[in-house]
Amino acid sequence: MKSVFQRAMGDEFDRLHPQMRRRLSPGIASDEALFGRGTMDRVWHGARFVKPFLALGAARNILVPRTGRDVPFTIVNMPYTDAVGREALTFVRTFAFPGRPRRFDAAMVYSEERDRLVDYLGTHQHLACDLHVEADGRGGVVIRSDRLRFREGPVDAAVPSLIAGDAVVREHYDPDSGRFHVSVHVANRRFGPLFGYEGSFAAQYRPAGNGPLPARLRPRRQEARV
């Protein structure tokens, strides 16, 4: 079975650099997980008024309320079978700020019905969005988020654009340094830039084990709707 990114990208996947293809291939079938370690050259946020929203999101590992330069960074992409039987892939990012590390968690699944990659954000997966993934023409990848949705109990509603953010992720592999370079930019359509980071990391690949997801990576609540 192909990974969630392979299924979402289709023929576009073959246009990626070989290391980018491996980077986006962890899955149940490959029994491979990625562990990345590096440095974010810059972690930033927008105007002062966005800080309360970032702090609120940080309580459930959504976005990061702090800024800094040369911030040590790790990422774990581990495939697993979620509570409703779908293949999922963790995106657990840790920013080692002095005093208190901050995490930005997500889990991605592929919707067969809608032919879309769906990104569940945070520890409780109350926020979800479709992702549009494409090759950038240089062997890298560009990921753009669609409208955020809030899901809890019977509620399934679009988050108003006034308070939502649109994310653009760009990532490519640099063969000279042997590192992946990533840039994340989240902006509000009315108020402009909200949050972002850019830097690089080196990757190691280990057997995923195809067992239960380790507790430190596991969402506390899993959303079944795609």
N, C-alpha and C. Protein backbone atom coordinates (compact mmCIF):
# COMPACT_ATOMS: atom_id res chain seq x y z
N MET A 1 0.85 -1.20 0.00
CA MET A 1 0.00 0.00 0.00
C MET A 1 0.88 1.25 0.00
N LYS A 2 0.49 2.26 -0.76
CA LYS A 2 1.23 3.50 -0.82
C LYS A 2 1.01 4.32 0.44
N SER A 3 1.98 5.21 0.71
CA SER A 3 1.83 6.10 1.86
C SER A 3 0.72 7.11 1.62
N VAL A 4 0.33 7.82 2.68
CA VAL A 4 -0.75 8.80 2.54
C VAL A 4 -0.35 9.91 1.56
N PHE A 5 0.92 10.29 1.56
CA PHE A 5 1.37 11.33 0.63
C PHE A 5 1.41 10.81 -0.80
N GLN A 6 1.84 9.59 -1.01
CA GLN A 6 1.85 9.02 -2.36
C GLN A 6 0.44 8.98 -2.94
N ARG A 7 -0.52 8.60 -2.12
CA ARG A 7 -1.90 8.53 -2.60
C ARG A 7 -2.45 9.93 -2.89
N ALA A 8 -2.10 10.89 -2.06
CA ALA A 8 -2.61 12.25 -2.26
C ALA A 8 -1.98 12.92 -3.48
N MET A 9 -0.71 12.63 -3.75
CA MET A 9 -0.01 13.33 -4.83
C MET A 9 -0.13 12.63 -6.18
N GLY A 10 -0.39 11.33 -6.20
CA GLY A 10 -0.48 10.62 -7.46
C GLY A 10 0.82 10.71 -8.24
N ASP A 11 0.73 11.01 -9.53
CA ASP A 11 1.92 11.08 -10.39
C ASP A 11 2.88 12.19 -9.98
N GLU A 12 2.37 13.22 -9.28
CA GLU A 12 3.23 14.30 -8.82
C GLU A 12 4.35 13.78 -7.91
N PHE A 13 4.08 12.70 -7.20
CA PHE A 13 5.05 12.17 -6.25
C PHE A 13 6.36 11.81 -6.95
N ASP A 14 6.29 11.33 -8.19
CA ASP A 14 7.49 10.91 -8.93
C ASP A 14 8.37 12.09 -9.34
N ARG A 15 7.86 13.31 -9.23
CA ARG A 15 8.64 14.49 -9.60
C ARG A 15 9.51 14.99 -8.44
N LEU A 16 9.38 14.38 -7.27
CA LEU A 16 10.15 14.80 -6.11
C LEU A 16 11.57 14.22 -6.17
N HIS A 17 12.49 14.90 -5.51
CA HIS A 17 13.85 14.37 -5.32
C HIS A 17 13.75 13.03 -4.61
N PRO A 18 14.63 12.07 -4.91
CA PRO A 18 14.54 10.75 -4.26
C PRO A 18 14.51 10.82 -2.73
N GLN A 19 15.27 11.76 -2.14
CA GLN A 19 15.23 11.88 -0.68
C GLN A 19 13.91 12.46 -0.19
N MET A 20 13.30 13.33 -1.00
CA MET A 20 11.97 13.83 -0.63
C MET A 20 10.94 12.71 -0.74
N ARG A 21 11.09 11.85 -1.74
CA ARG A 21 10.15 10.73 -1.85
C ARG A 21 10.26 9.82 -0.63
N ARG A 22 11.48 9.56 -0.19
CA ARG A 22 11.62 8.74 1.02
C ARG A 22 11.08 9.48 2.23
N ARG A 23 11.33 10.77 2.27
CA ARG A 23 10.85 11.60 3.39
C ARG A 23 9.34 11.50 3.56
N LEU A 24 8.61 11.39 2.45
CA LEU A 24 7.15 11.37 2.49
C LEU A 24 6.58 9.96 2.31
N SER A 25 7.43 8.95 2.46
CA SER A 25 6.98 7.57 2.25
C SER A 25 6.72 6.77 3.51
N PRO A 26 7.04 7.25 4.74
CA PRO A 26 6.73 6.43 5.91
C PRO A 26 5.26 6.00 5.92
N GLY A 27 5.05 4.71 6.14
CA GLY A 27 3.69 4.19 6.12
C GLY A 27 3.64 2.81 6.74
N ILE A 28 2.45 2.29 6.88
CA ILE A 28 2.27 0.96 7.45
C ILE A 28 2.99 -0.08 6.59
N ALA A 29 2.88 0.03 5.28
CA ALA A 29 3.48 -0.97 4.39
C ALA A 29 5.00 -0.92 4.43
N SER A 30 5.56 0.27 4.50
CA SER A 30 7.02 0.39 4.52
C SER A 30 7.62 0.07 5.88
N ASP A 31 6.79 0.08 6.93
CA ASP A 31 7.26 -0.13 8.31
C ASP A 31 8.46 0.76 8.61
N GLU A 32 8.36 2.03 8.22
CA GLU A 32 9.46 2.96 8.42
C GLU A 32 8.92 4.25 9.02
N ALA A 33 9.67 4.77 10.00
CA ALA A 33 9.34 6.05 10.61
C ALA A 33 10.52 7.00 10.44
N LEU A 34 10.22 8.29 10.38
CA LEU A 34 11.27 9.30 10.25
C LEU A 34 11.43 10.05 11.56
N PHE A 35 12.70 10.21 11.96
CA PHE A 35 13.06 11.02 13.13
C PHE A 35 14.03 12.08 12.66
N GLY A 36 13.60 13.34 12.71
CA GLY A 36 14.42 14.44 12.24
C GLY A 36 14.93 15.28 13.39
N ARG A 37 16.14 15.80 13.23
CA ARG A 37 16.72 16.67 14.26
C ARG A 37 17.48 17.80 13.56
N GLY A 38 17.24 19.02 14.00
CA GLY A 38 17.93 20.14 13.37
C GLY A 38 17.70 21.43 14.14
N THR A 39 17.67 22.54 13.41
CA THR A 39 17.54 23.86 14.01
C THR A 39 16.61 24.72 13.17
N MET A 40 15.70 25.38 13.83
CA MET A 40 14.91 26.40 13.15
C MET A 40 15.63 27.73 13.28
N ASP A 41 16.06 28.25 12.15
CA ASP A 41 16.80 29.51 12.16
C ASP A 41 15.97 30.63 12.74
N ARG A 42 14.66 30.55 12.52
CA ARG A 42 13.78 31.62 12.99
C ARG A 42 12.39 31.06 13.25
N VAL A 43 11.84 31.36 14.41
CA VAL A 43 10.43 31.09 14.73
C VAL A 43 9.80 32.45 15.03
N TRP A 44 8.73 32.78 14.33
CA TRP A 44 8.20 34.14 14.43
C TRP A 44 6.68 34.11 14.57
N HIS A 45 6.12 35.22 15.00
CA HIS A 45 4.67 35.43 14.91
C HIS A 45 4.40 36.86 14.51
N GLY A 46 3.15 37.12 14.14
CA GLY A 46 2.78 38.42 13.60
C GLY A 46 2.56 39.47 14.67
N ALA A 47 1.60 40.34 14.43
CA ALA A 47 1.34 41.46 15.33
C ALA A 47 1.02 40.98 16.74
N ARG A 48 1.19 41.88 17.69
CA ARG A 48 1.04 41.54 19.11
C ARG A 48 -0.32 40.95 19.43
N PHE A 49 -1.36 41.38 18.73
CA PHE A 49 -2.71 40.92 19.07
C PHE A 49 -2.92 39.43 18.80
N VAL A 50 -2.03 38.78 18.03
CA VAL A 50 -2.22 37.36 17.75
C VAL A 50 -1.72 36.49 18.90
N LYS A 51 -0.94 37.05 19.82
CA LYS A 51 -0.34 36.22 20.87
C LYS A 51 -1.36 35.48 21.72
N PRO A 52 -2.49 36.11 22.12
CA PRO A 52 -3.47 35.33 22.90
C PRO A 52 -4.02 34.13 22.15
N PHE A 53 -4.21 34.26 20.84
CA PHE A 53 -4.72 33.14 20.05
C PHE A 53 -3.67 32.03 19.96
N LEU A 54 -2.40 32.41 19.80
CA LEU A 54 -1.35 31.40 19.75
C LEU A 54 -1.21 30.70 21.10
N ALA A 55 -1.33 31.46 22.18
CA ALA A 55 -1.25 30.86 23.51
C ALA A 55 -2.39 29.89 23.75
N LEU A 56 -3.59 30.24 23.29
CA LEU A 56 -4.73 29.35 23.43
C LEU A 56 -4.50 28.06 22.66
N GLY A 57 -4.02 28.18 21.42
CA GLY A 57 -3.75 27.00 20.63
C GLY A 57 -2.65 26.14 21.22
N ALA A 58 -1.65 26.79 21.83
CA ALA A 58 -0.52 26.05 22.38
C ALA A 58 -0.94 25.10 23.51
N ALA A 59 -2.06 25.40 24.17
CA ALA A 59 -2.54 24.52 25.24
C ALA A 59 -2.85 23.12 24.71
N ARG A 60 -3.13 23.02 23.41
CA ARG A 60 -3.39 21.72 22.80
C ARG A 60 -2.42 21.42 21.65
N ASN A 61 -1.22 21.95 21.79
CA ASN A 61 -0.14 21.70 20.83
C ASN A 61 -0.52 22.09 19.40
N ILE A 62 -1.14 23.26 19.29
CA ILE A 62 -1.44 23.84 17.97
C ILE A 62 -0.71 25.18 17.89
N LEU A 63 0.17 25.31 16.93
CA LEU A 63 0.99 26.50 16.76
C LEU A 63 1.93 26.68 17.96
N VAL A 64 2.70 27.75 17.94
CA VAL A 64 3.73 27.97 18.95
C VAL A 64 3.68 29.45 19.35
N PRO A 65 3.51 29.77 20.65
CA PRO A 65 3.33 31.16 21.05
C PRO A 65 4.63 31.93 21.26
N ARG A 66 5.79 31.28 21.11
CA ARG A 66 7.06 31.95 21.36
C ARG A 66 7.81 32.22 20.06
N THR A 67 8.76 33.12 20.13
CA THR A 67 9.62 33.42 18.99
C THR A 67 11.07 33.15 19.39
N GLY A 68 11.92 33.04 18.39
CA GLY A 68 13.33 32.84 18.69
C GLY A 68 14.13 32.56 17.44
N ARG A 69 15.43 32.52 17.63
CA ARG A 69 16.35 32.17 16.55
C ARG A 69 17.23 31.01 16.99
N ASP A 70 17.63 30.22 16.01
CA ASP A 70 18.49 29.05 16.27
C ASP A 70 17.88 28.15 17.35
N VAL A 71 16.63 27.79 17.14
CA VAL A 71 15.88 26.98 18.10
C VAL A 71 16.05 25.50 17.75
N PRO A 72 16.60 24.68 18.65
CA PRO A 72 16.70 23.24 18.38
C PRO A 72 15.32 22.65 18.10
N PHE A 73 15.28 21.71 17.16
CA PHE A 73 14.01 21.25 16.60
C PHE A 73 14.08 19.75 16.34
N THR A 74 12.99 19.05 16.64
CA THR A 74 12.85 17.65 16.25
C THR A 74 11.49 17.44 15.62
N ILE A 75 11.41 16.42 14.75
CA ILE A 75 10.14 16.04 14.14
C ILE A 75 10.07 14.53 14.08
N VAL A 76 8.88 13.98 14.34
CA VAL A 76 8.65 12.54 14.26
C VAL A 76 7.48 12.29 13.33
N ASN A 77 7.74 11.53 12.27
CA ASN A 77 6.69 11.06 11.36
C ASN A 77 6.59 9.55 11.53
N MET A 78 5.58 9.12 12.26
CA MET A 78 5.42 7.69 12.53
C MET A 78 4.04 7.23 12.04
N PRO A 79 4.01 6.20 11.20
CA PRO A 79 2.71 5.70 10.73
C PRO A 79 2.06 4.82 11.79
N TYR A 80 0.73 4.84 11.79
CA TYR A 80 -0.01 3.99 12.73
C TYR A 80 -1.43 3.81 12.21
N THR A 81 -2.13 2.87 12.79
CA THR A 81 -3.55 2.67 12.50
C THR A 81 -4.34 3.36 13.60
N ASP A 82 -5.21 4.31 13.22
CA ASP A 82 -5.91 5.07 14.24
C ASP A 82 -7.10 4.30 14.79
N ALA A 83 -7.86 4.97 15.68
CA ALA A 83 -8.93 4.29 16.41
C ALA A 83 -10.07 3.82 15.52
N VAL A 84 -10.19 4.38 14.33
CA VAL A 84 -11.26 3.95 13.42
C VAL A 84 -10.73 3.14 12.25
N GLY A 85 -9.46 2.67 12.36
CA GLY A 85 -8.92 1.74 11.38
C GLY A 85 -8.25 2.35 10.17
N ARG A 86 -8.04 3.67 10.17
CA ARG A 86 -7.38 4.31 9.03
C ARG A 86 -5.88 4.37 9.25
N GLU A 87 -5.12 4.36 8.16
CA GLU A 87 -3.69 4.63 8.27
C GLU A 87 -3.50 6.13 8.50
N ALA A 88 -2.68 6.46 9.48
CA ALA A 88 -2.41 7.85 9.81
C ALA A 88 -0.90 8.04 9.96
N LEU A 89 -0.47 9.29 9.88
CA LEU A 89 0.95 9.62 10.00
C LEU A 89 1.11 10.81 10.93
N THR A 90 1.91 10.64 11.98
CA THR A 90 2.13 11.74 12.92
C THR A 90 3.04 12.80 12.31
N PHE A 91 2.77 14.04 12.68
CA PHE A 91 3.70 15.15 12.46
C PHE A 91 3.85 15.83 13.82
N VAL A 92 4.76 15.31 14.63
CA VAL A 92 4.98 15.84 15.98
C VAL A 92 6.28 16.65 15.95
N ARG A 93 6.13 17.98 16.03
CA ARG A 93 7.26 18.88 15.95
C ARG A 93 7.50 19.49 17.33
N THR A 94 8.76 19.44 17.80
CA THR A 94 9.11 19.99 19.10
C THR A 94 10.16 21.08 18.92
N PHE A 95 9.87 22.23 19.49
CA PHE A 95 10.78 23.38 19.45
C PHE A 95 11.35 23.54 20.86
N ALA A 96 12.66 23.35 21.00
CA ALA A 96 13.28 23.32 22.34
C ALA A 96 13.67 24.72 22.78
N PHE A 97 12.67 25.55 23.05
CA PHE A 97 12.93 26.87 23.59
C PHE A 97 13.53 26.76 24.99
N PRO A 98 14.36 27.70 25.40
CA PRO A 98 14.89 27.65 26.77
C PRO A 98 13.78 27.63 27.80
N GLY A 99 13.91 26.77 28.76
CA GLY A 99 12.95 26.70 29.86
C GLY A 99 11.78 25.78 29.61
N ARG A 100 11.16 25.88 28.44
CA ARG A 100 9.97 25.06 28.18
C ARG A 100 9.83 24.77 26.70
N PRO A 101 10.04 23.51 26.30
CA PRO A 101 9.82 23.16 24.89
C PRO A 101 8.35 23.34 24.51
N ARG A 102 8.11 23.60 23.24
CA ARG A 102 6.76 23.72 22.71
C ARG A 102 6.57 22.72 21.58
N ARG A 103 5.36 22.15 21.50
CA ARG A 103 5.06 21.17 20.46
C ARG A 103 3.97 21.67 19.54
N PHE A 104 4.07 21.22 18.30
CA PHE A 104 3.06 21.49 17.29
C PHE A 104 2.72 20.12 16.68
N ASP A 105 1.55 19.58 17.07
CA ASP A 105 1.18 18.22 16.70
C ASP A 105 0.15 18.20 15.57
N ALA A 106 0.25 17.18 14.74
CA ALA A 106 -0.77 16.93 13.73
C ALA A 106 -0.72 15.46 13.36
N ALA A 107 -1.81 14.99 12.79
CA ALA A 107 -1.90 13.63 12.24
C ALA A 107 -2.59 13.73 10.89
N MET A 108 -2.04 13.05 9.92
CA MET A 108 -2.58 13.12 8.56
C MET A 108 -3.15 11.78 8.13
N VAL A 109 -4.31 11.83 7.49
CA VAL A 109 -4.93 10.64 6.92
C VAL A 109 -5.35 10.98 5.48
N TYR A 110 -5.50 9.95 4.68
CA TYR A 110 -5.94 10.14 3.30
C TYR A 110 -7.40 9.72 3.19
N SER A 111 -8.23 10.61 2.66
CA SER A 111 -9.65 10.31 2.46
C SER A 111 -9.84 9.71 1.07
N GLU A 112 -10.17 8.43 1.02
CA GLU A 112 -10.44 7.77 -0.26
C GLU A 112 -11.67 8.38 -0.93
N GLU A 113 -12.68 8.71 -0.12
CA GLU A 113 -13.93 9.22 -0.66
C GLU A 113 -13.74 10.56 -1.37
N ARG A 114 -12.89 11.41 -0.83
CA ARG A 114 -12.73 12.76 -1.38
C ARG A 114 -11.39 12.96 -2.06
N ASP A 115 -10.55 11.92 -2.08
CA ASP A 115 -9.23 12.02 -2.71
C ASP A 115 -8.48 13.22 -2.17
N ARG A 116 -8.40 13.30 -0.85
CA ARG A 116 -7.76 14.42 -0.18
C ARG A 116 -6.93 13.93 1.00
N LEU A 117 -5.84 14.66 1.27
CA LEU A 117 -5.09 14.48 2.50
C LEU A 117 -5.73 15.39 3.55
N VAL A 118 -6.06 14.82 4.70
CA VAL A 118 -6.73 15.57 5.77
C VAL A 118 -5.77 15.69 6.95
N ASP A 119 -5.64 16.90 7.45
CA ASP A 119 -4.72 17.20 8.54
C ASP A 119 -5.52 17.50 9.80
N TYR A 120 -5.34 16.66 10.83
CA TYR A 120 -5.97 16.90 12.13
C TYR A 120 -4.95 17.57 13.03
N LEU A 121 -5.32 18.69 13.64
CA LEU A 121 -4.38 19.49 14.40
C LEU A 121 -4.55 19.30 15.90
N GLY A 122 -3.42 19.25 16.60
CA GLY A 122 -3.42 19.28 18.05
C GLY A 122 -3.67 17.95 18.72
N THR A 123 -3.70 18.01 20.04
CA THR A 123 -3.85 16.80 20.86
C THR A 123 -5.25 16.22 20.81
N HIS A 124 -6.26 17.05 20.48
CA HIS A 124 -7.65 16.58 20.52
C HIS A 124 -8.33 16.57 19.15
N GLN A 125 -7.61 16.98 18.12
CA GLN A 125 -8.11 16.90 16.74
C GLN A 125 -9.45 17.61 16.54
N HIS A 126 -9.67 18.69 17.29
CA HIS A 126 -10.90 19.46 17.08
C HIS A 126 -10.85 20.27 15.80
N LEU A 127 -9.65 20.57 15.33
CA LEU A 127 -9.49 21.34 14.10
C LEU A 127 -8.94 20.43 13.00
N ALA A 128 -9.50 20.57 11.81
CA ALA A 128 -9.05 19.76 10.67
C ALA A 128 -9.13 20.59 9.41
N CYS A 129 -8.26 20.26 8.47
CA CYS A 129 -8.33 20.94 7.17
C CYS A 129 -7.82 19.99 6.09
N ASP A 130 -8.32 20.19 4.88
CA ASP A 130 -7.77 19.50 3.72
C ASP A 130 -6.43 20.12 3.36
N LEU A 131 -5.54 19.29 2.80
CA LEU A 131 -4.25 19.77 2.33
C LEU A 131 -4.12 19.52 0.84
N HIS A 132 -3.57 20.49 0.14
CA HIS A 132 -3.29 20.36 -1.29
C HIS A 132 -1.77 20.26 -1.44
N VAL A 133 -1.30 19.15 -2.00
CA VAL A 133 0.13 18.85 -2.04
C VAL A 133 0.57 18.75 -3.49
N GLU A 134 1.69 19.42 -3.80
CA GLU A 134 2.21 19.35 -5.16
C GLU A 134 3.72 19.49 -5.16
N ALA A 135 4.35 18.97 -6.22
CA ALA A 135 5.79 19.16 -6.41
C ALA A 135 6.04 20.60 -6.85
N ASP A 136 7.21 21.13 -6.46
CA ASP A 136 7.49 22.54 -6.76
C ASP A 136 8.30 22.75 -8.03
N GLY A 137 8.61 21.68 -8.76
CA GLY A 137 9.39 21.81 -9.98
C GLY A 137 10.88 21.73 -9.77
N ARG A 138 11.34 21.71 -8.49
CA ARG A 138 12.76 21.62 -8.17
C ARG A 138 13.07 20.40 -7.31
N GLY A 139 12.11 19.49 -7.26
CA GLY A 139 12.29 18.29 -6.44
C GLY A 139 11.74 18.42 -5.04
N GLY A 140 11.25 19.62 -4.69
CA GLY A 140 10.67 19.83 -3.38
C GLY A 140 9.15 19.73 -3.41
N VAL A 141 8.53 20.05 -2.29
CA VAL A 141 7.09 19.92 -2.16
C VAL A 141 6.51 21.21 -1.60
N VAL A 142 5.28 21.53 -2.03
CA VAL A 142 4.52 22.66 -1.49
C VAL A 142 3.19 22.12 -0.98
N ILE A 143 2.86 22.46 0.27
CA ILE A 143 1.62 22.01 0.89
C ILE A 143 0.82 23.25 1.28
N ARG A 144 -0.43 23.31 0.81
CA ARG A 144 -1.30 24.45 1.15
C ARG A 144 -2.54 23.93 1.86
N SER A 145 -2.92 24.64 2.91
CA SER A 145 -4.10 24.24 3.67
C SER A 145 -5.36 24.85 3.07
N ASP A 146 -6.47 24.14 3.26
CA ASP A 146 -7.78 24.64 2.87
C ASP A 146 -8.48 25.15 4.13
N ARG A 147 -9.76 25.47 4.01
CA ARG A 147 -10.52 26.05 5.12
C ARG A 147 -10.51 25.14 6.35
N LEU A 148 -10.23 25.74 7.51
CA LEU A 148 -10.27 25.00 8.77
C LEU A 148 -11.71 24.66 9.14
N ARG A 149 -11.87 23.47 9.75
CA ARG A 149 -13.16 23.07 10.28
C ARG A 149 -13.01 22.71 11.75
N PHE A 150 -14.05 23.03 12.53
CA PHE A 150 -14.10 22.66 13.94
C PHE A 150 -15.07 21.50 14.09
N ARG A 151 -14.61 20.44 14.77
CA ARG A 151 -15.44 19.24 14.92
C ARG A 151 -15.43 18.77 16.37
N GLU A 152 -16.60 18.71 16.94
CA GLU A 152 -16.77 18.23 18.31
C GLU A 152 -18.21 17.77 18.47
N GLY A 153 -18.41 16.50 18.85
CA GLY A 153 -19.75 15.96 18.97
C GLY A 153 -20.50 16.11 17.66
N PRO A 154 -21.73 16.67 17.68
CA PRO A 154 -22.49 16.83 16.44
C PRO A 154 -22.04 18.04 15.61
N VAL A 155 -21.15 18.87 16.16
CA VAL A 155 -20.74 20.10 15.47
C VAL A 155 -19.68 19.79 14.42
N ASP A 156 -19.92 20.28 13.21
CA ASP A 156 -18.94 20.20 12.13
C ASP A 156 -19.10 21.48 11.32
N ALA A 157 -18.31 22.50 11.66
CA ALA A 157 -18.53 23.82 11.08
C ALA A 157 -17.22 24.44 10.63
N ALA A 158 -17.28 25.22 9.55
CA ALA A 158 -16.11 25.94 9.08
C ALA A 158 -15.73 27.03 10.08
N VAL A 159 -14.44 27.16 10.34
CA VAL A 159 -13.96 28.24 11.20
C VAL A 159 -14.03 29.54 10.39
N PRO A 160 -14.64 30.60 10.93
CA PRO A 160 -14.74 31.85 10.17
C PRO A 160 -13.38 32.35 9.71
N SER A 161 -13.33 32.85 8.50
CA SER A 161 -12.05 33.31 7.93
C SER A 161 -11.45 34.46 8.74
N LEU A 162 -12.29 35.18 9.50
CA LEU A 162 -11.79 36.29 10.31
C LEU A 162 -10.78 35.82 11.34
N ILE A 163 -10.92 34.58 11.84
CA ILE A 163 -10.02 34.09 12.88
C ILE A 163 -9.19 32.89 12.43
N ALA A 164 -9.37 32.43 11.21
CA ALA A 164 -8.65 31.26 10.72
C ALA A 164 -7.35 31.67 10.05
N GLY A 165 -6.48 30.70 9.86
CA GLY A 165 -5.22 30.95 9.17
C GLY A 165 -5.04 29.99 8.01
N ASP A 166 -4.39 30.47 6.97
CA ASP A 166 -4.03 29.64 5.82
C ASP A 166 -2.54 29.35 5.89
N ALA A 167 -2.18 28.08 5.78
CA ALA A 167 -0.78 27.68 5.91
C ALA A 167 -0.20 27.30 4.55
N VAL A 168 1.06 27.68 4.35
CA VAL A 168 1.84 27.24 3.19
C VAL A 168 3.14 26.65 3.72
N VAL A 169 3.39 25.41 3.38
CA VAL A 169 4.62 24.72 3.79
C VAL A 169 5.44 24.44 2.54
N ARG A 170 6.70 24.80 2.57
CA ARG A 170 7.62 24.50 1.47
C ARG A 170 8.79 23.71 2.04
N GLU A 171 9.11 22.61 1.38
CA GLU A 171 10.20 21.78 1.88
C GLU A 171 10.97 21.19 0.71
N HIS A 172 12.30 21.19 0.83
CA HIS A 172 13.13 20.58 -0.19
C HIS A 172 14.37 19.96 0.45
N TYR A 173 15.02 19.10 -0.30
CA TYR A 173 16.23 18.43 0.18
C TYR A 173 17.45 19.07 -0.46
N ASP A 174 18.46 19.36 0.38
CA ASP A 174 19.72 19.93 -0.10
C ASP A 174 20.78 18.83 -0.09
N PRO A 175 21.19 18.33 -1.25
CA PRO A 175 22.17 17.23 -1.28
C PRO A 175 23.54 17.64 -0.75
N ASP A 176 23.88 18.92 -0.81
CA ASP A 176 25.19 19.35 -0.32
C ASP A 176 25.31 19.22 1.20
N SER A 177 24.24 19.59 1.89
CA SER A 177 24.25 19.51 3.36
C SER A 177 23.64 18.22 3.89
N GLY A 178 22.91 17.50 3.02
CA GLY A 178 22.23 16.29 3.47
C GLY A 178 21.09 16.59 4.42
N ARG A 179 20.47 17.77 4.27
CA ARG A 179 19.42 18.19 5.19
C ARG A 179 18.16 18.61 4.41
N PHE A 180 17.05 18.51 5.09
CA PHE A 180 15.78 19.00 4.57
C PHE A 180 15.58 20.43 5.06
N HIS A 181 15.23 21.31 4.14
CA HIS A 181 14.97 22.70 4.48
C HIS A 181 13.47 22.94 4.42
N VAL A 182 12.94 23.56 5.47
CA VAL A 182 11.50 23.73 5.57
C VAL A 182 11.17 25.18 5.90
N SER A 183 10.09 25.66 5.32
CA SER A 183 9.57 26.99 5.61
C SER A 183 8.06 26.87 5.78
N VAL A 184 7.55 27.39 6.90
CA VAL A 184 6.11 27.36 7.19
C VAL A 184 5.64 28.79 7.41
N HIS A 185 4.55 29.15 6.73
CA HIS A 185 4.01 30.51 6.82
C HIS A 185 2.50 30.40 6.98
N VAL A 186 1.99 30.91 8.11
CA VAL A 186 0.55 30.89 8.38
C VAL A 186 0.06 32.34 8.43
N ALA A 187 -0.97 32.64 7.64
CA ALA A 187 -1.46 34.02 7.56
C ALA A 187 -2.98 34.04 7.60
N ASN A 188 -3.52 35.13 8.09
CA ASN A 188 -4.95 35.39 8.07
C ASN A 188 -5.27 36.25 6.86
N ARG A 189 -6.38 35.96 6.19
CA ARG A 189 -6.70 36.66 4.94
C ARG A 189 -6.93 38.15 5.15
N ARG A 190 -7.30 38.54 6.35
CA ARG A 190 -7.54 39.97 6.62
C ARG A 190 -6.39 40.63 7.37
N PHE A 191 -5.83 39.92 8.36
CA PHE A 191 -4.86 40.54 9.26
C PHE A 191 -3.40 40.23 8.92
N GLY A 192 -3.17 39.37 7.93
CA GLY A 192 -1.82 39.12 7.49
C GLY A 192 -1.11 38.01 8.25
N PRO A 193 0.24 38.05 8.30
CA PRO A 193 1.02 36.95 8.89
C PRO A 193 0.68 36.71 10.35
N LEU A 194 0.56 35.42 10.71
CA LEU A 194 0.25 35.03 12.08
C LEU A 194 1.41 34.32 12.76
N PHE A 195 2.05 33.39 12.04
CA PHE A 195 3.02 32.49 12.66
C PHE A 195 3.82 31.80 11.57
N GLY A 196 5.06 31.44 11.90
CA GLY A 196 5.84 30.67 10.95
C GLY A 196 7.20 30.30 11.49
N TYR A 197 7.90 29.52 10.73
CA TYR A 197 9.28 29.15 11.08
C TYR A 197 9.99 28.68 9.83
N GLU A 198 11.33 28.75 9.87
CA GLU A 198 12.14 28.23 8.78
C GLU A 198 13.47 27.73 9.34
N GLY A 199 13.94 26.65 8.75
CA GLY A 199 15.19 26.06 9.19
C GLY A 199 15.45 24.76 8.46
N SER A 200 16.24 23.89 9.07
CA SER A 200 16.59 22.64 8.40
C SER A 200 16.79 21.53 9.43
N PHE A 201 16.74 20.31 8.94
CA PHE A 201 16.96 19.16 9.82
C PHE A 201 17.50 18.00 9.01
N ALA A 202 18.21 17.10 9.70
CA ALA A 202 18.68 15.85 9.12
C ALA A 202 17.74 14.74 9.58
N ALA A 203 17.58 13.73 8.74
CA ALA A 203 16.61 12.67 9.02
C ALA A 203 17.29 11.33 9.23
N GLN A 204 16.74 10.55 10.16
CA GLN A 204 17.08 9.15 10.33
C GLN A 204 15.80 8.34 10.16
N TYR A 205 15.94 7.12 9.65
CA TYR A 205 14.79 6.26 9.43
C TYR A 205 14.95 5.01 10.28
N ARG A 206 13.87 4.65 10.96
CA ARG A 206 13.90 3.47 11.83
C ARG A 206 12.64 2.65 11.59
N PRO A 207 12.67 1.37 11.93
CA PRO A 207 11.45 0.57 11.81
C PRO A 207 10.34 1.16 12.67
N ALA A 208 9.15 1.24 12.11
CA ALA A 208 8.01 1.78 12.85
C ALA A 208 7.44 0.76 13.83
N GLY A 209 7.59 -0.52 13.52
CA GLY A 209 7.13 -1.56 14.44
C GLY A 209 5.69 -1.99 14.24
N ASN A 210 4.89 -1.14 13.57
CA ASN A 210 3.49 -1.48 13.29
C ASN A 210 2.72 -1.89 14.55
N GLY A 211 3.14 -1.38 15.68
CA GLY A 211 2.41 -1.64 16.92
C GLY A 211 1.65 -0.40 17.35
N PRO A 212 1.19 -0.36 18.61
CA PRO A 212 0.49 0.83 19.10
C PRO A 212 1.40 2.05 19.06
N LEU A 213 0.82 3.18 18.79
CA LEU A 213 1.58 4.42 18.77
C LEU A 213 2.06 4.74 20.18
N PRO A 214 3.35 5.08 20.35
CA PRO A 214 3.82 5.44 21.70
C PRO A 214 2.97 6.55 22.32
N ALA A 215 2.78 6.45 23.63
CA ALA A 215 1.88 7.37 24.32
C ALA A 215 2.28 8.83 24.11
N ARG A 216 3.58 9.13 24.02
CA ARG A 216 4.02 10.51 23.88
C ARG A 216 3.63 11.12 22.53
N LEU A 217 3.30 10.26 21.55
CA LEU A 217 2.92 10.74 20.23
C LEU A 217 1.42 10.63 19.98
N ARG A 218 0.71 9.97 20.86
CA ARG A 218 -0.69 9.62 20.61
C ARG A 218 -1.62 10.80 20.89
N PRO A 219 -2.54 11.10 19.97
CA PRO A 219 -3.56 12.12 20.27
C PRO A 219 -4.45 11.66 21.43
N ARG A 220 -4.92 12.61 22.21
CA ARG A 220 -5.78 12.26 23.34
C ARG A 220 -7.21 11.99 22.88
N ARG A 221 -7.58 12.56 21.75
CA ARG A 221 -8.88 12.33 21.15
C ARG A 221 -8.67 12.18 19.65
N GLN A 222 -9.41 11.26 19.03
CA GLN A 222 -9.28 11.05 17.59
C GLN A 222 -10.62 11.31 16.91
N GLU A 223 -10.56 12.11 15.86
CA GLU A 223 -11.75 12.50 15.10
C GLU A 223 -11.94 11.53 13.94
N ALA A 224 -13.17 10.99 13.80
CA ALA A 224 -13.44 10.01 12.76
C ALA A 224 -13.84 10.64 11.43
N ARG A 225 -14.38 11.86 11.46
CA ARG A 225 -14.89 12.46 10.23
C ARG A 225 -13.76 12.98 9.35
N VAL A 226 -13.88 12.75 8.04
CA VAL A 226 -12.94 13.30 7.09
C VAL A 226 -13.63 14.23 6.09
